[in-house]
Amino acid sequence: MNTDHRKLPESLTRYLALPPGGAAEPAPPPVHRGSRRADPRSAHQALESALLRGFVYVISGLVWLLVLGLVLRHLAR
């Protein structure tokens, strides 16, 4: 069996270099919905996130309507 001697990506080599059973960093504490941060940018990030989510919902809704219209047109013929 031939092995692949290409160089591993940086992130994978760091992961493989860790001692077995040890974690590189402790997991961050879970963030609960509705919790407020002291960061003044959080309002901007929340608005940006809401606008992006709305844009995705509108685009996906339009795609569903297009598909539904094509199915109905196909069934009408």
Protein backbone atom coordinates (compact mmCIF):
# COMPACT_ATOMS: atom_id res chain seq x y z
CA MET A 1 0.00 0.00 0.00
CA ASN A 2 1.43 3.37 -1.01
CA THR A 3 1.23 6.25 1.43
CA ASP A 4 0.51 9.83 0.51
CA HIS A 5 3.49 12.02 1.43
CA ARG A 6 1.80 15.38 0.92
CA LYS A 7 2.19 17.89 3.73
CA LEU A 8 -0.66 18.04 6.27
CA PRO A 9 -2.59 21.31 6.80
CA GLU A 10 -1.38 23.47 9.69
CA SER A 11 -4.49 22.93 11.84
CA LEU A 12 -4.27 19.15 11.49
CA THR A 13 -0.60 19.06 12.42
CA ARG A 14 -1.34 21.09 15.56
CA TYR A 15 -4.13 18.68 16.46
CA LEU A 16 -1.91 15.65 15.94
CA ALA A 17 0.89 17.26 18.00
CA LEU A 18 -1.31 17.45 21.12
CA PRO A 19 -0.65 14.86 23.79
CA PRO A 20 -3.27 12.09 23.81
CA GLY A 21 -6.20 12.74 26.13
CA GLY A 22 -5.40 16.43 26.53
CA ALA A 23 -7.35 19.34 25.17
CA ALA A 24 -5.60 22.41 23.81
CA GLU A 25 -8.00 24.90 25.35
CA PRO A 26 -10.91 24.55 27.74
CA ALA A 27 -14.31 24.84 26.13
CA PRO A 28 -15.86 28.31 26.38
CA PRO A 29 -18.86 28.63 28.67
CA PRO A 30 -22.20 28.18 26.90
CA VAL A 31 -23.93 31.35 25.78
CA HIS A 32 -27.61 31.51 26.61
CA ARG A 33 -30.15 33.21 24.38
CA GLY A 34 -31.17 36.61 25.61
CA SER A 35 -28.03 37.15 27.66
CA ARG A 36 -26.64 40.65 27.29
CA ARG A 37 -22.99 41.35 26.65
CA ALA A 38 -21.12 44.43 27.76
CA ASP A 39 -19.71 44.81 24.24
CA PRO A 40 -21.13 47.96 22.56
CA ARG A 41 -20.74 46.27 19.16
CA SER A 42 -23.22 43.56 20.11
CA ALA A 43 -26.20 45.72 19.07
CA HIS A 44 -24.62 46.21 15.67
CA GLN A 45 -23.89 42.49 15.38
CA ALA A 46 -27.44 41.62 16.40
CA LEU A 47 -28.88 43.97 13.78
CA GLU A 48 -26.56 42.62 11.13
CA SER A 49 -27.49 39.06 12.07
CA ALA A 50 -31.22 39.83 11.97
CA LEU A 51 -30.92 41.48 8.54
CA LEU A 52 -28.93 38.58 7.16
CA ARG A 53 -31.40 36.06 8.58
CA GLY A 54 -34.30 38.01 7.06
CA PHE A 55 -32.57 38.13 3.69
CA VAL A 56 -32.02 34.37 3.76
CA TYR A 57 -35.67 33.75 4.71
CA VAL A 58 -36.93 35.97 1.88
CA ILE A 59 -34.67 34.35 -0.72
CA SER A 60 -35.58 30.84 0.40
CA GLY A 61 -39.28 31.77 0.35
CA LEU A 62 -38.96 33.07 -3.20
CA VAL A 63 -37.21 29.88 -4.28
CA TRP A 64 -39.99 27.78 -2.72
CA LEU A 65 -42.62 29.86 -4.51
CA LEU A 66 -40.78 29.43 -7.80
CA VAL A 67 -40.59 25.67 -7.32
CA LEU A 68 -44.26 25.52 -6.34
CA GLY A 69 -45.21 27.55 -9.41
CA LEU A 70 -43.22 25.26 -11.68
CA VAL A 71 -44.83 22.16 -10.13
CA LEU A 72 -48.32 23.62 -10.50
CA ARG A 73 -47.60 24.62 -14.10
CA HIS A 74 -46.39 21.10 -14.80
CA LEU A 75 -49.49 19.56 -13.25
CA ALA A 76 -51.79 21.91 -15.17
CA ARG A 77 -50.47 20.69 -18.53
